Amino acid sequence: MDETRPGDRIRVLIARLLGVGFIAYLLVSLSGIAEGAQILAWWWTPLAVALVFVPGIGLFVATLAAPSCIPMAAIASAAGIPLAAALWLVAWDGDTLDGAVRGTWLSALGGLAGLCAALVWRPLVTLTVQFVAAISVATIDQLGMFGRDASLADLFYAGVWAFGFTALLAGAVIMALRTGTVLDANRQLLERSAAETAAAQAREHERSRFDALIHDRVLTTLLATTHPDHDGRLAGEALTTIAELDLAAQDSERGGDILAPRLVEQLSTIVDDLGETVSVTVEEAASAYPAAVASAVGGAMAEALRNSIQHAGPRHGRRVALDLYRDSVRVIVSDTGRGFDSAAVGPGRLGIDVSIVRRMTTLDGGRSEIDSRPGAGTTIVLEWSRPS
């Protein structure tokens, strides 16, 4: 039994309350047990106490030490009460209880049979068990008080009244347990829905990542083939692109952390590989960052620099600021070029929307900001903060 599920917690709580009830009834019934033994065979009293109270106490112990044993203890408790009542008829000597006003000591326990049955059986079986227990206990109560003078009408009235009263309690327990079952079903539905949503987000993340990779590396390499390769860099770039595609196909999320010096080295290498003069400043703290941060920030920074080289103009300077703190990373890419109207850039542009904005958004704790105006240059801020 999994006590983390609402239904199981409710079942354990009800079983514990019933176990406490058995213990309490044992304590308050000691005098009644002794008095009732006077009109019964010697063997009935110890046997009845064992049939009724041992499973009930075991039910309480099971809720504390072994919840998986609750069904077995509940079945024994539900069966013990009507069985003890049936054996009473065999052990009875025909005499009546002196001064009895409520019948035998079993009269206080008749309702517990159905409550215990509700823990393990369906409502129809539970009510059947409760009916048998109520009728049998009511019968021996009437016989114990009035002997053989008890009429069938009295027996019928007492049995029906006892069943009607105790059935209400059994119905309350049945509804409580059914509520727990509904809660469990809703929880499973929510967990399944959450898993499906997470899977869809993961697929979207992978799609965005591969969109960015195709744009950043594949299309850029293919576009470079349309221009003369004077310095012989094209072959190296093509091999690098193929290696990145293979790595992405093998493992979309490389595990482990990257130390701050290594992250600075990776980002600086990206800047150097572009073959342009870029001013780089570094503020570095002793820390480590997830590999996904290095991948996302490095890819977005590379795309921002490529856009700057392509659109800002050859005579304008570029600057990269790397700020690595204990629980955050900030990369600022800025130029003094032509600039553009960032509000006019529509969604779906691979270079900005996918390769920069969406790449940082899909990173847990990541964000980006693009500030550009025509004639005023462009500043792109890439930030990541460690989720709390």
Protein backbone atom coordinates (compact mmCIF):
# COMPACT_ATOMS: atom_id res chain seq x y z
CA MET A 1 0.00 0.00 0.00
CA ASP A 2 1.45 3.31 -1.12
CA GLU A 3 0.75 5.87 1.61
CA THR A 4 1.77 8.70 -0.70
CA ARG A 5 -1.50 8.27 -2.61
CA PRO A 6 -4.51 10.16 -1.19
CA GLY A 7 -6.76 7.09 -1.37
CA ASP A 8 -4.30 4.93 0.54
CA ARG A 9 -3.78 7.63 3.16
CA ILE A 10 -7.54 7.80 3.72
CA ARG A 11 -7.73 3.99 3.94
CA VAL A 12 -4.91 3.87 6.50
CA LEU A 13 -6.50 6.65 8.56
CA ILE A 14 -9.89 4.90 8.65
CA ALA A 15 -8.24 1.59 9.56
CA ARG A 16 -6.34 3.29 12.36
CA LEU A 17 -9.51 4.85 13.78
CA LEU A 18 -11.24 1.45 13.67
CA GLY A 19 -8.26 -0.12 15.43
CA VAL A 20 -8.46 2.51 18.15
CA GLY A 21 -12.19 1.75 18.41
CA PHE A 22 -11.52 -1.94 19.04
CA ILE A 23 -8.99 -1.11 21.75
CA ALA A 24 -11.37 1.38 23.40
CA TYR A 25 -14.28 -1.08 23.32
CA LEU A 26 -12.08 -3.75 24.90
CA LEU A 27 -11.28 -1.48 27.82
CA VAL A 28 -14.90 -0.41 28.45
CA SER A 29 -16.33 -3.92 27.91
CA LEU A 30 -14.29 -5.78 30.54
CA SER A 31 -17.10 -5.81 33.10
CA GLY A 32 -19.66 -6.80 30.47
CA ILE A 33 -17.44 -9.63 29.26
CA ALA A 34 -17.24 -11.01 32.81
CA GLU A 35 -21.00 -10.75 33.36
CA GLY A 36 -21.84 -12.33 30.01
CA ALA A 37 -19.70 -15.36 30.76
CA GLN A 38 -22.20 -16.44 33.48
CA ILE A 39 -24.80 -17.69 30.98
CA LEU A 40 -22.38 -19.19 28.45
CA ALA A 41 -20.13 -22.19 28.15
CA TRP A 42 -16.64 -21.61 29.50
CA TRP A 43 -14.96 -21.75 26.12
CA TRP A 44 -16.97 -19.02 24.42
CA THR A 45 -15.63 -15.95 26.23
CA PRO A 46 -11.88 -16.42 25.54
CA LEU A 47 -12.65 -17.54 22.00
CA ALA A 48 -14.93 -14.56 21.33
CA VAL A 49 -12.40 -12.10 22.77
CA ALA A 50 -9.75 -13.58 20.50
CA LEU A 51 -12.05 -13.53 17.42
CA VAL A 52 -13.15 -9.92 17.97
CA PHE A 53 -10.30 -8.00 19.57
CA VAL A 54 -7.12 -9.67 18.33
CA PRO A 55 -7.82 -8.82 14.64
CA GLY A 56 -8.97 -5.34 15.67
CA ILE A 57 -5.78 -4.65 17.57
CA GLY A 58 -3.85 -6.18 14.68
CA LEU A 59 -5.59 -3.72 12.36
CA PHE A 60 -4.27 -0.82 14.44
CA VAL A 61 -0.75 -2.26 14.54
CA ALA A 62 -0.81 -2.82 10.76
CA THR A 63 -1.49 0.88 10.13
CA LEU A 64 1.69 1.72 12.02
CA ALA A 65 4.07 -1.03 11.00
CA ALA A 66 2.79 -2.89 7.93
CA PRO A 67 0.09 -1.13 5.89
CA SER A 68 0.16 -3.98 3.37
CA CYS A 69 -1.39 -6.21 6.08
CA ILE A 70 -4.41 -3.95 6.55
CA PRO A 71 -6.68 -5.96 4.16
CA MET A 72 -5.96 -9.24 5.97
CA ALA A 73 -6.57 -7.69 9.39
CA ALA A 74 -9.75 -5.99 8.14
CA ILE A 75 -11.16 -9.27 6.78
CA ALA A 76 -10.45 -11.04 10.06
CA SER A 77 -12.08 -8.19 12.00
CA ALA A 78 -15.16 -8.15 9.78
CA ALA A 79 -15.62 -11.92 10.06
CA GLY A 80 -14.82 -12.21 13.75
CA ILE A 81 -17.87 -10.33 15.06
CA PRO A 82 -20.67 -12.30 13.30
CA LEU A 83 -18.75 -15.54 13.91
CA ALA A 84 -18.58 -14.81 17.64
CA ALA A 85 -22.31 -14.02 17.63
CA ALA A 86 -23.09 -17.30 15.87
CA LEU A 87 -21.02 -19.27 18.37
CA TRP A 88 -22.87 -17.48 21.21
CA LEU A 89 -26.01 -19.36 20.22
CA VAL A 90 -24.11 -22.62 20.61
CA ALA A 91 -22.60 -21.67 23.99
CA TRP A 92 -25.78 -20.11 25.50
CA ASP A 93 -27.36 -22.05 28.39
CA GLY A 94 -30.82 -20.47 28.00
CA ASP A 95 -30.53 -18.11 30.97
CA THR A 96 -30.76 -14.28 30.85
CA LEU A 97 -28.33 -11.56 31.86
CA ASP A 98 -29.06 -10.08 35.28
CA GLY A 99 -29.88 -6.36 35.03
CA ALA A 100 -28.91 -6.11 31.35
CA VAL A 101 -30.43 -3.13 29.56
CA ARG A 102 -28.45 -3.22 26.29
CA GLY A 103 -27.77 -6.88 25.76
CA THR A 104 -24.41 -8.56 25.37
CA TRP A 105 -21.06 -6.81 25.18
CA LEU A 106 -21.04 -7.57 21.44
CA SER A 107 -23.88 -5.05 20.96
CA ALA A 108 -21.39 -2.17 20.98
CA LEU A 109 -19.26 -3.81 18.30
CA GLY A 110 -21.80 -4.85 15.69
CA GLY A 111 -21.27 -1.75 13.57
CA LEU A 112 -17.52 -2.29 13.28
CA ALA A 113 -17.94 -5.39 11.09
CA GLY A 114 -19.28 -3.42 8.12
CA LEU A 115 -16.76 -0.63 8.60
CA CYS A 116 -13.90 -3.15 8.44
CA ALA A 117 -15.48 -4.84 5.43
CA ALA A 118 -15.58 -1.50 3.60
CA LEU A 119 -11.79 -1.39 3.68
CA VAL A 120 -11.48 -4.42 1.39
CA TRP A 121 -14.80 -5.21 -0.34
CA ARG A 122 -17.27 -3.59 -2.68
CA PRO A 123 -20.29 -1.72 -1.22
CA LEU A 124 -22.75 -4.59 -1.85
CA VAL A 125 -20.54 -7.12 -0.04
CA THR A 126 -19.87 -4.58 2.72
CA LEU A 127 -23.59 -4.00 3.33
CA THR A 128 -24.21 -7.76 3.27
CA VAL A 129 -21.56 -8.29 5.94
CA GLN A 130 -23.04 -5.43 7.96
CA PHE A 131 -26.54 -6.90 7.66
CA VAL A 132 -25.39 -10.32 8.87
CA ALA A 133 -23.44 -8.81 11.76
CA ALA A 134 -26.27 -6.48 12.80
CA ILE A 135 -28.93 -9.20 12.69
CA SER A 136 -26.81 -11.75 14.54
CA VAL A 137 -25.73 -9.31 17.28
CA ALA A 138 -29.29 -7.96 17.68
CA THR A 139 -30.58 -11.53 17.98
CA ILE A 140 -28.23 -12.54 20.80
CA ASP A 141 -28.92 -9.22 22.55
CA GLN A 142 -32.65 -9.98 22.64
CA LEU A 143 -32.05 -13.54 23.76
CA GLY A 144 -29.60 -12.42 26.41
CA MET A 145 -32.07 -9.92 27.86
CA PHE A 146 -35.39 -11.79 27.46
CA GLY A 147 -34.35 -15.39 26.97
CA ARG A 148 -36.70 -17.66 25.09
CA ASP A 149 -39.53 -15.19 25.71
CA ALA A 150 -38.13 -12.85 23.03
CA SER A 151 -40.67 -12.64 20.19
CA LEU A 152 -39.92 -12.80 16.50
CA ALA A 153 -41.30 -9.28 16.14
CA ASP A 154 -38.82 -8.00 18.73
CA LEU A 155 -35.97 -9.83 17.01
CA PHE A 156 -36.98 -8.43 13.62
CA TYR A 157 -37.39 -4.87 14.89
CA ALA A 158 -34.08 -4.92 16.77
CA GLY A 159 -32.23 -6.37 13.78
CA VAL A 160 -33.65 -3.91 11.25
CA TRP A 161 -33.03 -0.94 13.55
CA ALA A 162 -29.46 -2.04 14.23
CA PHE A 163 -28.76 -2.55 10.52
CA GLY A 164 -30.31 0.78 9.54
CA PHE A 165 -28.23 2.67 12.09
CA THR A 166 -24.93 0.95 11.39
CA ALA A 167 -25.45 0.99 7.60
CA LEU A 168 -25.30 4.80 7.72
CA LEU A 169 -21.82 4.60 9.24
CA ALA A 170 -20.75 1.98 6.71
CA GLY A 171 -22.07 4.19 3.90
CA ALA A 172 -20.03 7.13 5.20
CA VAL A 173 -16.87 5.01 5.15
CA ILE A 174 -17.70 3.73 1.65
CA MET A 175 -18.06 7.31 0.38
CA ALA A 176 -14.82 8.39 2.05
CA LEU A 177 -12.95 5.50 0.44
CA ARG A 178 -14.57 6.19 -2.93
CA THR A 179 -13.48 9.82 -2.66
CA GLY A 180 -9.95 8.60 -2.12
CA THR A 181 -10.22 6.39 -5.21
CA VAL A 182 -11.38 9.38 -7.26
CA LEU A 183 -8.48 11.44 -5.93
CA ASP A 184 -6.05 8.68 -6.91
CA ALA A 185 -7.53 8.50 -10.41
CA ASN A 186 -7.33 12.28 -10.84
CA ARG A 187 -3.76 12.28 -9.57
CA GLN A 188 -2.78 9.58 -12.07
CA LEU A 189 -4.50 11.57 -14.82
CA LEU A 190 -2.61 14.72 -13.85
CA GLU A 191 0.70 12.84 -13.66
CA ARG A 192 0.09 11.30 -17.09
CA SER A 193 -0.89 14.69 -18.48
CA ALA A 194 2.21 16.29 -16.96
CA ALA A 195 4.40 13.56 -18.46
CA GLU A 196 2.83 14.05 -21.89
CA THR A 197 3.30 17.82 -21.61
CA ALA A 198 6.92 17.38 -20.56
CA ALA A 199 7.49 15.02 -23.50
CA ALA A 200 5.92 17.53 -25.89
CA GLN A 201 8.09 20.31 -24.47
CA ALA A 202 11.15 18.10 -24.84
CA ARG A 203 10.26 17.42 -28.47
CA GLU A 204 9.73 21.13 -29.08
CA HIS A 205 13.04 21.87 -27.39
CA GLU A 206 14.80 19.35 -29.61
CA ARG A 207 13.08 20.74 -32.70
CA SER A 208 14.14 24.28 -31.80
CA ARG A 209 17.68 23.12 -31.03
CA PHE A 210 18.04 21.35 -34.36
CA ASP A 211 16.47 24.32 -36.17
CA ALA A 212 19.12 26.52 -34.61
CA LEU A 213 21.89 24.01 -35.38
CA ILE A 214 20.82 23.72 -39.01
CA HIS A 215 20.71 27.48 -39.38
CA ASP A 216 23.89 28.22 -37.45
CA ARG A 217 26.10 25.53 -38.95
CA VAL A 218 24.56 23.71 -41.91
CA LEU A 219 23.06 26.65 -43.81
CA THR A 220 26.00 28.88 -42.98
CA THR A 221 28.44 26.25 -44.30
CA LEU A 222 26.35 25.69 -47.43
CA LEU A 223 26.11 29.42 -48.03
CA ALA A 224 29.88 29.70 -47.71
CA THR A 225 30.28 27.33 -50.64
CA THR A 226 28.88 30.01 -52.95
CA HIS A 227 31.88 32.26 -52.23
CA PRO A 228 35.58 31.74 -52.99
CA ASP A 229 37.44 29.89 -50.25
CA HIS A 230 40.70 31.88 -50.32
CA ASP A 231 41.92 30.92 -46.87
CA GLY A 232 40.88 27.24 -47.03
CA ARG A 233 38.61 27.40 -43.99
CA LEU A 234 35.54 25.89 -45.64
CA ALA A 235 36.67 22.26 -45.33
CA GLY A 236 37.36 22.69 -41.62
CA GLU A 237 34.00 24.34 -41.04
CA ALA A 238 32.25 21.51 -42.89
CA LEU A 239 33.97 18.87 -40.75
CA THR A 240 33.08 20.79 -37.60
CA THR A 241 29.45 20.99 -38.69
CA ILE A 242 29.28 17.25 -39.34
CA ALA A 243 30.84 16.55 -35.94
CA GLU A 244 28.28 18.77 -34.20
CA LEU A 245 25.41 17.03 -36.01
CA ASP A 246 26.74 13.61 -34.97
CA LEU A 247 27.13 14.73 -31.38
CA ALA A 248 23.62 16.20 -31.29
CA ALA A 249 22.16 12.98 -32.67
CA GLN A 250 23.98 10.87 -30.07
CA ASP A 251 23.14 12.89 -27.00
CA SER A 252 20.89 15.91 -26.95
CA GLU A 253 21.79 16.85 -23.40
CA ARG A 254 25.36 16.20 -22.42
CA GLY A 255 25.63 15.66 -18.69
CA GLY A 256 28.07 17.09 -16.19
CA ASP A 257 29.07 20.60 -15.22
CA ILE A 258 31.52 22.99 -16.83
CA LEU A 259 33.87 25.04 -14.67
CA ALA A 260 33.99 28.78 -15.21
CA PRO A 261 37.49 28.83 -16.80
CA ARG A 262 36.44 26.14 -19.26
CA LEU A 263 33.27 28.06 -20.15
CA VAL A 264 35.32 31.22 -20.77
CA GLU A 265 37.65 29.19 -22.98
CA GLN A 266 34.75 27.77 -25.01
CA LEU A 267 33.10 31.16 -25.50
CA SER A 268 36.42 32.78 -26.42
CA THR A 269 37.08 30.03 -28.97
CA ILE A 270 33.73 30.76 -30.59
CA VAL A 271 34.73 34.41 -30.91
CA ASP A 272 38.16 33.52 -32.36
CA ASP A 273 36.69 31.06 -34.87
CA LEU A 274 34.68 33.83 -36.50
CA GLY A 275 37.92 35.38 -37.77
CA GLU A 276 36.92 38.93 -36.85
CA THR A 277 38.46 41.41 -34.46
CA VAL A 278 36.19 41.45 -31.41
CA SER A 279 36.94 43.05 -28.06
CA VAL A 280 36.33 40.57 -25.24
CA THR A 281 36.16 41.41 -21.54
CA VAL A 282 35.76 38.77 -18.86
CA GLU A 283 34.54 38.92 -15.27
CA GLU A 284 34.82 35.44 -13.85
CA ALA A 285 33.87 33.84 -10.53
CA ALA A 286 34.82 30.41 -9.24
CA SER A 287 31.80 28.33 -10.11
CA ALA A 288 30.48 25.53 -12.33
CA TYR A 289 27.57 25.57 -14.76
CA PRO A 290 25.44 22.91 -16.47
CA ALA A 291 26.63 21.80 -19.89
CA ALA A 292 23.30 22.90 -21.36
CA VAL A 293 24.12 26.49 -20.35
CA ALA A 294 27.40 26.43 -22.27
CA SER A 295 25.64 24.98 -25.32
CA ALA A 296 22.75 27.44 -25.35
CA VAL A 297 24.72 30.57 -24.46
CA GLY A 298 27.55 29.70 -26.84
CA GLY A 299 25.19 29.01 -29.73
CA ALA A 300 23.18 32.17 -29.16
CA MET A 301 26.34 34.29 -28.82
CA ALA A 302 27.78 32.86 -32.03
CA GLU A 303 24.58 33.65 -33.91
CA ALA A 304 24.52 37.19 -32.50
CA LEU A 305 28.13 37.75 -33.66
CA ARG A 306 27.42 36.29 -37.12
CA ASN A 307 24.44 38.61 -37.50
CA SER A 308 26.57 41.54 -36.42
CA ILE A 309 29.35 40.69 -38.90
CA GLN A 310 26.84 40.27 -41.71
CA HIS A 311 24.56 43.25 -41.08
CA ALA A 312 26.40 45.85 -38.98
CA GLY A 313 28.93 46.80 -41.62
CA PRO A 314 32.67 46.18 -41.91
CA ARG A 315 33.91 49.37 -40.30
CA HIS A 316 31.98 49.08 -37.05
CA GLY A 317 33.45 47.62 -33.89
CA ARG A 318 32.08 44.73 -31.94
CA ARG A 319 32.39 43.94 -28.28
CA VAL A 320 31.65 40.87 -26.16
CA ALA A 321 31.41 41.04 -22.36
CA LEU A 322 31.43 37.76 -20.41
CA ASP A 323 30.17 38.06 -16.84
CA LEU A 324 30.32 34.74 -15.00
CA TYR A 325 28.99 34.86 -11.46
CA ARG A 326 28.41 32.14 -8.91
CA ASP A 327 24.80 31.42 -9.89
CA SER A 328 24.39 33.28 -13.16
CA VAL A 329 25.94 33.92 -16.55
CA ARG A 330 25.57 37.06 -18.63
CA VAL A 331 26.94 37.59 -22.11
CA ILE A 332 26.60 40.98 -23.82
CA VAL A 333 27.21 41.23 -27.56
CA SER A 334 27.17 44.80 -28.87
CA ASP A 335 28.19 46.68 -32.00
CA THR A 336 28.06 50.23 -33.31
CA GLY A 337 26.62 49.26 -36.68
CA ARG A 338 23.52 50.13 -38.62
CA GLY A 339 21.07 48.63 -36.15
CA PHE A 340 17.53 47.63 -37.00
CA ASP A 341 13.98 47.95 -35.76
CA SER A 342 13.69 44.97 -33.39
CA ALA A 343 9.92 45.43 -33.15
CA ALA A 344 9.59 44.87 -36.89
CA VAL A 345 11.29 41.47 -36.83
CA GLY A 346 8.53 38.86 -37.06
CA PRO A 347 8.49 35.47 -35.33
CA GLY A 348 10.01 32.52 -37.13
CA ARG A 349 13.21 34.26 -38.18
CA LEU A 350 15.71 31.48 -37.53
CA GLY A 351 18.62 33.78 -36.85
CA ILE A 352 16.95 35.85 -34.13
CA ASP A 353 13.76 34.11 -33.07
CA VAL A 354 15.03 30.50 -33.06
CA SER A 355 18.79 30.72 -32.75
CA ILE A 356 18.80 33.41 -30.06
CA VAL A 357 15.45 34.12 -28.40
CA ARG A 358 13.90 30.65 -28.36
CA ARG A 359 17.24 28.96 -27.66
CA MET A 360 17.60 30.96 -24.46
CA THR A 361 13.92 30.63 -23.52
CA THR A 362 14.00 26.84 -23.66
CA LEU A 363 17.01 26.84 -21.33
CA ASP A 364 15.81 26.51 -17.74
CA GLY A 365 16.59 29.88 -16.17
CA GLY A 366 17.57 31.48 -19.49
CA ARG A 367 16.41 34.68 -21.13
CA SER A 368 17.53 37.13 -23.79
CA GLU A 369 17.07 40.80 -24.58
CA ILE A 370 17.64 42.55 -27.90
CA ASP A 371 18.03 46.31 -28.00
CA SER A 372 18.53 47.85 -31.43
CA ARG A 373 17.46 50.95 -33.30
CA PRO A 374 18.25 52.03 -36.86
CA GLY A 375 21.52 53.97 -36.86
CA ALA A 376 22.18 53.33 -33.14
CA GLY A 377 23.84 49.90 -33.13
CA THR A 378 22.68 46.68 -31.51
CA THR A 379 23.06 45.16 -28.07
CA ILE A 380 22.07 41.58 -27.31
CA VAL A 381 22.04 40.38 -23.72
CA LEU A 382 22.03 36.64 -22.98
CA GLU A 383 21.39 35.71 -19.37
CA TRP A 384 21.05 32.54 -17.33
CA SER A 385 20.28 32.28 -13.61
CA ARG A 386 20.49 29.06 -11.63
CA PRO A 387 16.95 27.92 -10.81
CA SER A 388 16.24 28.02 -7.08
